[in-house]
Amino acid sequence: MLVSGCALPGSRNASLAAVSNPLLISTANEDVAWEQIVDVLHEYHFEIERENRQARTIETKFRVGSGILEPWHKESVGWQNRFESTLQSIRRKVIVTISPCQQGYAVQVVALKELENLDAVAANSPGGATFQESAPLERDLSQVVGQSRPSGWIPQGRDLELERDLLARLNKITLKSQAR
């Protein structure tokens, strides 16, 4: 029973492969298409960083990947990505480009994925605030807030599963609005 339950997310991803990137949205109203795209990004809890209607692009802020214990967040698509986000610091960003065409609008989604690269153990790691019995107490009155320098991020390329999931959701919403 457990094996069949674990196989379900993979079969869901296989059905998403039919959605093309870019996705064709059949509407004459660019504002409707734009709002539908923004709504889908908000469903996945992505915060919009930039919207440029002249360049027809929407860019989100980076979002830390949700792990196994956060099933209500949707940006980690599939068990493999959820498990990876549980064990590693992963972040994702989405860039959407909207191009007019004869049938409506072509929507291209690019989801970028990055892995955190720490040079050393973080200053706020467990055990860093405990006293050592072998050395005298040293008082450092400078306040420590977070890490001493910013973390580096290693680009991991595109997150195709997230792209397919976003496009499938957008396709479902547009088909529903066209049926009305």
N, C-alpha and C. Protein backbone atom coordinates (compact mmCIF):
# COMPACT_ATOMS: atom_id res chain seq x y z
N MET A 1 0.83 -1.19 0.00
CA MET A 1 0.00 0.00 0.00
C MET A 1 0.87 1.25 0.00
N LEU A 2 1.95 1.24 0.77
CA LEU A 2 2.84 2.39 0.82
C LEU A 2 3.50 2.62 -0.53
N VAL A 3 3.87 1.55 -1.21
CA VAL A 3 4.52 1.68 -2.50
C VAL A 3 3.58 2.32 -3.52
N SER A 4 2.33 1.91 -3.53
CA SER A 4 1.39 2.50 -4.48
C SER A 4 1.12 3.97 -4.14
N GLY A 5 1.13 4.33 -2.85
CA GLY A 5 0.94 5.72 -2.45
C GLY A 5 2.09 6.60 -2.89
N CYS A 6 3.30 6.07 -2.84
CA CYS A 6 4.47 6.83 -3.26
C CYS A 6 4.51 6.98 -4.77
N ALA A 7 3.87 6.07 -5.49
CA ALA A 7 3.89 6.13 -6.94
C ALA A 7 2.92 7.16 -7.49
N LEU A 8 1.95 7.57 -6.70
CA LEU A 8 0.95 8.50 -7.19
C LEU A 8 1.52 9.85 -7.63
N PRO A 9 2.43 10.49 -6.86
CA PRO A 9 2.94 11.77 -7.34
C PRO A 9 3.69 11.66 -8.65
N GLY A 10 4.38 10.57 -8.88
CA GLY A 10 5.09 10.38 -10.14
C GLY A 10 4.13 10.28 -11.31
N SER A 11 3.01 9.58 -11.11
CA SER A 11 2.03 9.47 -12.18
C SER A 11 1.37 10.82 -12.46
N ARG A 12 1.23 11.65 -11.43
CA ARG A 12 0.69 12.99 -11.61
C ARG A 12 1.63 13.82 -12.46
N ASN A 13 2.93 13.73 -12.20
CA ASN A 13 3.91 14.47 -12.98
C ASN A 13 3.95 14.00 -14.42
N ALA A 14 3.72 12.70 -14.64
CA ALA A 14 3.72 12.18 -16.00
C ALA A 14 2.57 12.78 -16.80
N SER A 15 1.43 13.03 -16.15
CA SER A 15 0.30 13.62 -16.86
C SER A 15 0.54 15.09 -17.15
N LEU A 16 1.41 15.75 -16.40
CA LEU A 16 1.70 17.16 -16.63
C LEU A 16 2.60 17.37 -17.84
N ALA A 17 3.25 16.32 -18.32
CA ALA A 17 4.19 16.46 -19.43
C ALA A 17 3.49 16.91 -20.71
N ALA A 18 2.17 16.75 -20.81
CA ALA A 18 1.44 17.12 -22.02
C ALA A 18 1.32 18.64 -22.19
N VAL A 19 1.54 19.42 -21.14
CA VAL A 19 1.43 20.87 -21.22
C VAL A 19 2.70 21.42 -21.86
N SER A 20 2.51 22.26 -22.89
CA SER A 20 3.68 22.80 -23.59
C SER A 20 4.17 24.09 -22.92
N ASN A 21 5.42 24.38 -23.13
CA ASN A 21 6.03 25.61 -22.63
C ASN A 21 6.72 26.26 -23.82
N PRO A 22 6.18 27.31 -24.40
CA PRO A 22 5.13 28.20 -23.91
C PRO A 22 3.72 27.63 -24.10
N LEU A 23 2.84 28.06 -23.21
CA LEU A 23 1.43 27.66 -23.23
C LEU A 23 0.63 28.72 -23.96
N LEU A 24 -0.28 28.27 -24.82
CA LEU A 24 -1.13 29.19 -25.55
C LEU A 24 -2.39 29.46 -24.74
N ILE A 25 -2.65 30.74 -24.47
CA ILE A 25 -3.88 31.16 -23.80
C ILE A 25 -4.74 31.86 -24.84
N SER A 26 -5.91 31.31 -25.10
CA SER A 26 -6.81 31.86 -26.13
C SER A 26 -7.70 32.92 -25.52
N THR A 27 -7.21 34.14 -25.52
CA THR A 27 -8.00 35.28 -25.05
C THR A 27 -7.52 36.52 -25.79
N ALA A 28 -8.43 37.44 -26.01
CA ALA A 28 -8.07 38.69 -26.66
C ALA A 28 -7.71 39.77 -25.65
N ASN A 29 -8.00 39.52 -24.38
CA ASN A 29 -7.79 40.50 -23.33
C ASN A 29 -6.49 40.20 -22.58
N GLU A 30 -5.49 41.03 -22.77
CA GLU A 30 -4.20 40.82 -22.12
C GLU A 30 -4.30 40.97 -20.60
N ASP A 31 -5.15 41.87 -20.13
CA ASP A 31 -5.30 42.07 -18.69
C ASP A 31 -5.83 40.82 -17.99
N VAL A 32 -6.75 40.13 -18.63
CA VAL A 32 -7.29 38.89 -18.06
C VAL A 32 -6.19 37.84 -17.96
N ALA A 33 -5.43 37.68 -19.03
CA ALA A 33 -4.32 36.71 -19.03
C ALA A 33 -3.30 37.07 -17.96
N TRP A 34 -2.97 38.34 -17.86
CA TRP A 34 -1.98 38.81 -16.87
C TRP A 34 -2.44 38.48 -15.45
N GLU A 35 -3.70 38.80 -15.15
CA GLU A 35 -4.23 38.55 -13.80
C GLU A 35 -4.31 37.06 -13.48
N GLN A 36 -4.62 36.24 -14.48
CA GLN A 36 -4.65 34.79 -14.25
C GLN A 36 -3.25 34.27 -13.91
N ILE A 37 -2.24 34.79 -14.58
CA ILE A 37 -0.86 34.37 -14.31
C ILE A 37 -0.45 34.79 -12.90
N VAL A 38 -0.76 36.02 -12.52
CA VAL A 38 -0.42 36.50 -11.18
C VAL A 38 -1.16 35.69 -10.12
N ASP A 39 -2.42 35.34 -10.38
CA ASP A 39 -3.18 34.52 -9.44
C ASP A 39 -2.54 33.15 -9.23
N VAL A 40 -2.07 32.53 -10.31
CA VAL A 40 -1.42 31.22 -10.20
C VAL A 40 -0.12 31.35 -9.40
N LEU A 41 0.66 32.39 -9.64
CA LEU A 41 1.90 32.58 -8.88
C LEU A 41 1.60 32.78 -7.40
N HIS A 42 0.52 33.49 -7.09
CA HIS A 42 0.14 33.69 -5.68
C HIS A 42 -0.36 32.40 -5.05
N GLU A 43 -1.01 31.54 -5.82
CA GLU A 43 -1.43 30.23 -5.29
C GLU A 43 -0.23 29.42 -4.82
N TYR A 44 0.89 29.59 -5.49
CA TYR A 44 2.12 28.88 -5.14
C TYR A 44 2.96 29.67 -4.13
N HIS A 45 2.40 30.73 -3.58
CA HIS A 45 3.02 31.57 -2.56
C HIS A 45 4.28 32.28 -3.05
N PHE A 46 4.36 32.56 -4.35
CA PHE A 46 5.46 33.36 -4.87
C PHE A 46 5.08 34.83 -4.76
N GLU A 47 6.02 35.62 -4.24
CA GLU A 47 5.80 37.06 -4.12
C GLU A 47 6.37 37.73 -5.37
N ILE A 48 5.60 38.62 -5.97
CA ILE A 48 6.02 39.29 -7.20
C ILE A 48 7.09 40.32 -6.86
N GLU A 49 8.23 40.22 -7.56
CA GLU A 49 9.29 41.21 -7.37
C GLU A 49 9.17 42.34 -8.40
N ARG A 50 8.94 41.97 -9.66
CA ARG A 50 8.82 42.96 -10.73
C ARG A 50 7.73 42.54 -11.72
N GLU A 51 6.95 43.52 -12.12
CA GLU A 51 5.99 43.34 -13.21
C GLU A 51 6.27 44.43 -14.23
N ASN A 52 6.53 44.04 -15.46
CA ASN A 52 6.80 45.01 -16.52
C ASN A 52 5.85 44.71 -17.67
N ARG A 53 4.80 45.49 -17.77
CA ARG A 53 3.79 45.23 -18.80
C ARG A 53 4.30 45.58 -20.19
N GLN A 54 5.22 46.52 -20.30
CA GLN A 54 5.75 46.86 -21.62
C GLN A 54 6.65 45.74 -22.15
N ALA A 55 7.49 45.19 -21.29
CA ALA A 55 8.34 44.06 -21.69
C ALA A 55 7.59 42.73 -21.59
N ARG A 56 6.40 42.77 -21.00
CA ARG A 56 5.53 41.60 -20.81
C ARG A 56 6.23 40.50 -20.01
N THR A 57 6.82 40.88 -18.87
CA THR A 57 7.47 39.90 -18.00
C THR A 57 7.00 40.09 -16.56
N ILE A 58 6.94 38.97 -15.87
CA ILE A 58 6.64 38.94 -14.44
C ILE A 58 7.76 38.14 -13.79
N GLU A 59 8.38 38.72 -12.77
CA GLU A 59 9.49 38.06 -12.08
C GLU A 59 9.16 37.99 -10.59
N THR A 60 9.36 36.82 -10.00
CA THR A 60 9.07 36.66 -8.58
C THR A 60 10.35 36.79 -7.77
N LYS A 61 10.18 36.97 -6.47
CA LYS A 61 11.32 36.91 -5.55
C LYS A 61 11.68 35.45 -5.35
N PHE A 62 12.90 35.21 -4.89
CA PHE A 62 13.28 33.85 -4.55
C PHE A 62 12.44 33.37 -3.38
N ARG A 63 12.06 32.11 -3.42
CA ARG A 63 11.28 31.49 -2.34
C ARG A 63 11.98 30.22 -1.91
N VAL A 64 12.17 30.08 -0.60
CA VAL A 64 12.82 28.89 -0.06
C VAL A 64 11.90 27.70 -0.27
N GLY A 65 12.47 26.60 -0.74
CA GLY A 65 11.70 25.40 -1.04
C GLY A 65 11.10 24.78 0.21
N SER A 66 9.86 24.32 0.08
CA SER A 66 9.18 23.70 1.22
C SER A 66 9.53 22.23 1.30
N GLY A 67 9.62 21.75 2.53
CA GLY A 67 10.01 20.37 2.77
C GLY A 67 8.81 19.45 2.94
N ILE A 68 9.10 18.26 3.39
CA ILE A 68 8.08 17.22 3.56
C ILE A 68 7.03 17.63 4.59
N LEU A 69 7.44 18.39 5.60
CA LEU A 69 6.51 18.77 6.67
C LEU A 69 5.66 19.99 6.32
N GLU A 70 5.76 20.49 5.08
CA GLU A 70 4.98 21.65 4.64
C GLU A 70 4.18 21.31 3.38
N PRO A 71 3.24 20.38 3.46
CA PRO A 71 2.52 19.96 2.25
C PRO A 71 1.59 21.03 1.67
N TRP A 72 1.26 22.07 2.41
CA TRP A 72 0.36 23.10 1.93
C TRP A 72 1.06 24.06 0.96
N HIS A 73 2.39 24.05 0.92
CA HIS A 73 3.12 24.85 -0.06
C HIS A 73 3.30 24.02 -1.32
N LYS A 74 3.18 24.65 -2.48
CA LYS A 74 3.14 23.90 -3.74
C LYS A 74 4.41 24.01 -4.57
N GLU A 75 5.38 24.86 -4.19
CA GLU A 75 6.50 25.11 -5.11
C GLU A 75 7.50 23.97 -5.20
N SER A 76 7.52 23.06 -4.24
CA SER A 76 8.35 21.86 -4.33
C SER A 76 7.47 20.76 -4.91
N VAL A 77 7.58 20.54 -6.21
CA VAL A 77 6.70 19.61 -6.91
C VAL A 77 7.31 18.21 -6.90
N GLY A 78 6.56 17.25 -6.39
CA GLY A 78 7.02 15.86 -6.36
C GLY A 78 7.79 15.54 -5.09
N TRP A 79 7.84 14.24 -4.79
CA TRP A 79 8.49 13.79 -3.55
C TRP A 79 9.99 14.04 -3.57
N GLN A 80 10.63 13.89 -4.72
CA GLN A 80 12.07 14.08 -4.79
C GLN A 80 12.45 15.52 -4.45
N ASN A 81 11.74 16.49 -5.01
CA ASN A 81 12.01 17.90 -4.71
C ASN A 81 11.69 18.24 -3.26
N ARG A 82 10.61 17.68 -2.73
CA ARG A 82 10.27 17.92 -1.32
C ARG A 82 11.33 17.37 -0.40
N PHE A 83 11.79 16.16 -0.69
CA PHE A 83 12.82 15.53 0.14
C PHE A 83 14.12 16.32 0.06
N GLU A 84 14.48 16.76 -1.15
CA GLU A 84 15.69 17.57 -1.33
C GLU A 84 15.59 18.88 -0.56
N SER A 85 14.43 19.53 -0.61
CA SER A 85 14.24 20.80 0.11
C SER A 85 14.22 20.60 1.62
N THR A 86 13.91 19.38 2.07
CA THR A 86 13.95 19.08 3.50
C THR A 86 15.38 18.99 3.98
N LEU A 87 16.26 18.40 3.18
CA LEU A 87 17.65 18.16 3.59
C LEU A 87 18.61 19.26 3.18
N GLN A 88 18.27 20.05 2.19
CA GLN A 88 19.15 21.11 1.68
C GLN A 88 18.41 22.44 1.69
N SER A 89 19.17 23.53 1.67
CA SER A 89 18.56 24.84 1.50
C SER A 89 18.43 25.10 0.00
N ILE A 90 17.21 25.03 -0.50
CA ILE A 90 16.91 25.23 -1.91
C ILE A 90 16.01 26.45 -2.03
N ARG A 91 16.23 27.26 -3.07
CA ARG A 91 15.31 28.36 -3.33
C ARG A 91 14.96 28.38 -4.81
N ARG A 92 13.79 28.92 -5.11
CA ARG A 92 13.30 28.95 -6.48
C ARG A 92 12.78 30.34 -6.83
N LYS A 93 12.88 30.66 -8.11
CA LYS A 93 12.40 31.93 -8.64
C LYS A 93 11.72 31.64 -9.97
N VAL A 94 10.66 32.37 -10.27
CA VAL A 94 9.92 32.14 -11.52
C VAL A 94 9.93 33.42 -12.35
N ILE A 95 10.20 33.25 -13.65
CA ILE A 95 10.14 34.36 -14.60
C ILE A 95 9.14 33.96 -15.69
N VAL A 96 8.11 34.78 -15.87
CA VAL A 96 7.07 34.51 -16.85
C VAL A 96 7.15 35.57 -17.94
N THR A 97 7.14 35.12 -19.19
CA THR A 97 7.14 36.01 -20.35
C THR A 97 5.87 35.77 -21.15
N ILE A 98 5.18 36.86 -21.49
CA ILE A 98 3.92 36.79 -22.22
C ILE A 98 4.13 37.42 -23.59
N SER A 99 3.87 36.64 -24.64
CA SER A 99 4.05 37.13 -26.01
C SER A 99 2.73 37.05 -26.76
N PRO A 100 2.32 38.14 -27.42
CA PRO A 100 1.08 38.08 -28.20
C PRO A 100 1.28 37.22 -29.46
N CYS A 101 0.24 36.49 -29.82
CA CYS A 101 0.25 35.71 -31.07
C CYS A 101 -1.15 35.77 -31.67
N GLN A 102 -1.36 35.15 -32.83
CA GLN A 102 -2.65 35.25 -33.52
C GLN A 102 -3.80 34.65 -32.72
N GLN A 103 -3.54 33.55 -32.00
CA GLN A 103 -4.61 32.88 -31.27
C GLN A 103 -4.84 33.44 -29.86
N GLY A 104 -4.00 34.33 -29.40
CA GLY A 104 -4.11 34.89 -28.05
C GLY A 104 -2.75 35.30 -27.52
N TYR A 105 -2.28 34.59 -26.49
CA TYR A 105 -0.99 34.90 -25.88
C TYR A 105 -0.23 33.61 -25.59
N ALA A 106 1.07 33.64 -25.86
CA ALA A 106 1.95 32.52 -25.52
C ALA A 106 2.64 32.87 -24.21
N VAL A 107 2.48 31.99 -23.22
CA VAL A 107 3.03 32.22 -21.88
C VAL A 107 4.18 31.24 -21.65
N GLN A 108 5.38 31.79 -21.49
CA GLN A 108 6.54 30.95 -21.21
C GLN A 108 6.93 31.11 -19.74
N VAL A 109 7.13 29.98 -19.07
CA VAL A 109 7.49 29.97 -17.65
C VAL A 109 8.89 29.38 -17.51
N VAL A 110 9.76 30.11 -16.80
CA VAL A 110 11.10 29.62 -16.48
C VAL A 110 11.23 29.65 -14.96
N ALA A 111 11.43 28.47 -14.37
CA ALA A 111 11.62 28.36 -12.92
C ALA A 111 13.08 28.03 -12.66
N LEU A 112 13.75 28.90 -11.93
CA LEU A 112 15.17 28.71 -11.62
C LEU A 112 15.32 28.17 -10.21
N LYS A 113 16.28 27.28 -10.04
CA LYS A 113 16.48 26.60 -8.76
C LYS A 113 17.93 26.81 -8.33
N GLU A 114 18.15 27.12 -7.05
CA GLU A 114 19.49 27.34 -6.52
C GLU A 114 19.67 26.58 -5.21
N LEU A 115 20.90 26.15 -4.97
CA LEU A 115 21.29 25.41 -3.77
C LEU A 115 22.20 26.30 -2.95
N GLU A 116 21.96 26.38 -1.63
CA GLU A 116 22.79 27.23 -0.77
C GLU A 116 24.17 26.61 -0.59
N ASN A 117 25.20 27.46 -0.66
CA ASN A 117 26.58 27.03 -0.50
C ASN A 117 27.19 27.80 0.67
N LEU A 118 27.31 27.13 1.81
CA LEU A 118 27.94 27.75 2.98
C LEU A 118 29.43 27.42 2.97
N ASP A 119 30.27 28.44 3.14
CA ASP A 119 31.71 28.22 3.19
C ASP A 119 32.12 27.46 4.44
N ALA A 120 31.44 27.72 5.52
CA ALA A 120 31.74 27.07 6.80
C ALA A 120 30.44 26.87 7.56
N VAL A 121 30.54 26.34 8.74
CA VAL A 121 29.35 26.15 9.57
C VAL A 121 28.77 27.52 9.90
N ALA A 122 27.46 27.62 9.82
CA ALA A 122 26.79 28.88 10.11
C ALA A 122 27.00 29.28 11.57
N ALA A 123 27.06 30.59 11.80
CA ALA A 123 27.31 31.09 13.16
C ALA A 123 26.18 30.75 14.11
N ASN A 124 25.00 30.54 13.59
CA ASN A 124 23.86 30.25 14.45
C ASN A 124 23.55 28.75 14.49
N SER A 125 24.57 27.92 14.30
CA SER A 125 24.35 26.47 14.34
C SER A 125 24.20 26.01 15.79
N PRO A 126 23.54 24.86 16.01
CA PRO A 126 23.35 24.37 17.38
C PRO A 126 24.68 24.12 18.07
N GLY A 127 24.76 24.48 19.31
CA GLY A 127 25.98 24.26 20.09
C GLY A 127 26.94 25.43 20.07
N GLY A 128 26.69 26.42 19.23
CA GLY A 128 27.59 27.56 19.16
C GLY A 128 27.49 28.47 20.37
N ALA A 129 26.39 28.40 21.10
CA ALA A 129 26.19 29.28 22.24
C ALA A 129 26.46 28.59 23.58
N THR A 130 26.95 27.37 23.55
CA THR A 130 27.22 26.67 24.81
C THR A 130 28.60 27.03 25.33
N PHE A 131 28.76 26.92 26.63
CA PHE A 131 30.04 27.22 27.26
C PHE A 131 30.94 25.99 27.24
N GLN A 132 32.22 26.22 27.01
CA GLN A 132 33.18 25.13 27.06
C GLN A 132 33.87 25.15 28.41
N GLU A 133 33.99 24.00 29.04
CA GLU A 133 34.60 23.92 30.36
C GLU A 133 36.12 24.02 30.31
N SER A 134 36.72 23.71 29.17
CA SER A 134 38.18 23.68 29.08
C SER A 134 38.81 25.05 28.86
N ALA A 135 38.03 26.05 28.50
CA ALA A 135 38.58 27.38 28.24
C ALA A 135 37.87 28.40 29.12
N PRO A 136 38.58 29.47 29.52
CA PRO A 136 37.93 30.51 30.32
C PRO A 136 36.87 31.24 29.49
N LEU A 137 35.92 31.80 30.18
CA LEU A 137 34.84 32.52 29.52
C LEU A 137 35.38 33.79 28.87
N GLU A 138 35.12 33.94 27.57
CA GLU A 138 35.51 35.15 26.85
C GLU A 138 34.25 35.94 26.55
N ARG A 139 34.27 37.21 26.89
CA ARG A 139 33.10 38.04 26.65
C ARG A 139 33.27 38.81 25.36
N ASP A 140 32.36 38.60 24.46
CA ASP A 140 32.33 39.33 23.20
C ASP A 140 31.04 40.13 23.20
N LEU A 141 31.15 41.44 23.32
CA LEU A 141 29.97 42.27 23.47
C LEU A 141 29.35 42.69 22.13
N SER A 142 29.95 42.27 21.03
CA SER A 142 29.34 42.59 19.74
C SER A 142 28.14 41.66 19.50
N GLN A 143 27.08 42.26 19.04
CA GLN A 143 25.84 41.50 18.85
C GLN A 143 25.95 40.65 17.59
N VAL A 144 25.55 39.39 17.70
CA VAL A 144 25.55 38.48 16.56
C VAL A 144 24.12 38.35 16.06
N VAL A 145 23.91 38.73 14.82
CA VAL A 145 22.60 38.59 14.21
C VAL A 145 22.79 37.84 12.90
N GLY A 146 22.38 36.59 12.87
CA GLY A 146 22.50 35.81 11.64
C GLY A 146 23.94 35.44 11.34
N GLN A 147 24.21 35.26 10.06
CA GLN A 147 25.55 34.87 9.64
C GLN A 147 26.44 36.09 9.48
N SER A 148 27.76 35.87 9.58
CA SER A 148 28.69 36.99 9.51
C SER A 148 28.81 37.56 8.10
N ARG A 149 28.56 36.76 7.08
CA ARG A 149 28.56 37.25 5.70
C ARG A 149 27.49 36.51 4.91
N PRO A 150 27.07 37.08 3.79
CA PRO A 150 25.97 36.45 3.06
C PRO A 150 26.34 35.08 2.50
N SER A 151 25.34 34.25 2.38
CA SER A 151 25.53 32.91 1.83
C SER A 151 25.67 32.99 0.32
N GLY A 152 26.36 32.02 -0.22
CA GLY A 152 26.44 31.90 -1.67
C GLY A 152 25.39 30.91 -2.16
N TRP A 153 25.00 31.05 -3.39
CA TRP A 153 24.00 30.15 -3.97
C TRP A 153 24.56 29.58 -5.26
N ILE A 154 24.38 28.28 -5.44
CA ILE A 154 24.86 27.58 -6.63
C ILE A 154 23.65 27.35 -7.54
N PRO A 155 23.68 27.89 -8.77
CA PRO A 155 22.56 27.65 -9.69
C PRO A 155 22.44 26.16 -10.02
N GLN A 156 21.23 25.64 -9.96
CA GLN A 156 20.96 24.23 -10.26
C GLN A 156 20.21 24.08 -11.58
N GLY A 157 20.04 25.17 -12.31
CA GLY A 157 19.33 25.10 -13.59
C GLY A 157 17.84 25.32 -13.41
N ARG A 158 17.09 24.85 -14.40
CA ARG A 158 15.64 25.03 -14.39
C ARG A 158 14.96 23.90 -13.64
N ASP A 159 13.87 24.25 -12.97
CA ASP A 159 13.03 23.27 -12.27
C ASP A 159 11.85 22.96 -13.20
N LEU A 160 12.03 21.94 -14.04
CA LEU A 160 11.03 21.61 -15.05
C LEU A 160 9.72 21.14 -14.45
N GLU A 161 9.79 20.44 -13.31
CA GLU A 161 8.56 19.97 -12.67
C GLU A 161 7.70 21.15 -12.21
N LEU A 162 8.33 22.17 -11.63
CA LEU A 162 7.59 23.35 -11.20
C LEU A 162 7.02 24.09 -12.42
N GLU A 163 7.80 24.20 -13.48
CA GLU A 163 7.31 24.86 -14.69
C GLU A 163 6.06 24.15 -15.22
N ARG A 164 6.12 22.83 -15.31
CA ARG A 164 4.97 22.05 -15.82
C ARG A 164 3.76 22.20 -14.91
N ASP A 165 4.00 22.19 -13.61
CA ASP A 165 2.89 22.31 -12.65
C ASP A 165 2.23 23.69 -12.75
N LEU A 166 3.03 24.75 -12.84
CA LEU A 166 2.48 26.10 -12.99
C LEU A 166 1.68 26.22 -14.29
N LEU A 167 2.23 25.69 -15.38
CA LEU A 167 1.54 25.78 -16.67
C LEU A 167 0.25 24.95 -16.68
N ALA A 168 0.28 23.79 -16.03
CA ALA A 168 -0.94 22.96 -15.96
C ALA A 168 -2.02 23.67 -15.17
N ARG A 169 -1.64 24.33 -14.07
CA ARG A 169 -2.61 25.07 -13.26
C ARG A 169 -3.17 26.26 -14.04
N LEU A 170 -2.29 26.97 -14.75
CA LEU A 170 -2.72 28.11 -15.57
C LEU A 170 -3.65 27.64 -16.68
N ASN A 171 -3.33 26.52 -17.30
CA ASN A 171 -4.16 25.95 -18.36
C ASN A 171 -5.55 25.60 -17.82
N LYS A 172 -5.59 25.02 -16.63
CA LYS A 172 -6.87 24.64 -16.01
C LYS A 172 -7.72 25.88 -15.73
N ILE A 173 -7.09 26.93 -15.23
CA ILE A 173 -7.83 28.17 -14.92
C ILE A 173 -8.35 28.82 -16.20
N THR A 174 -7.52 28.88 -17.24
CA THR A 174 -7.96 29.52 -18.48
C THR A 174 -9.06 28.73 -19.17
N LEU A 175 -8.97 27.40 -19.14
CA LEU A 175 -10.03 26.59 -19.73
C LEU A 175 -11.35 26.77 -18.97
N LYS A 176 -11.25 26.89 -17.65
CA LYS A 176 -12.45 27.09 -16.82
C LYS A 176 -13.09 28.45 -17.13
N SER A 177 -12.27 29.49 -17.30
CA SER A 177 -12.82 30.83 -17.58
C SER A 177 -13.39 30.91 -19.00
N GLN A 178 -12.83 30.14 -19.94
CA GLN A 178 -13.35 30.14 -21.31
C GLN A 178 -14.69 29.40 -21.39
N ALA A 179 -14.90 28.44 -20.50
CA ALA A 179 -16.14 27.66 -20.52
C ALA A 179 -17.33 28.48 -20.03
N ARG A 180 -17.07 29.54 -19.29
CA ARG A 180 -18.17 30.37 -18.76
C ARG A 180 -18.83 31.19 -19.80
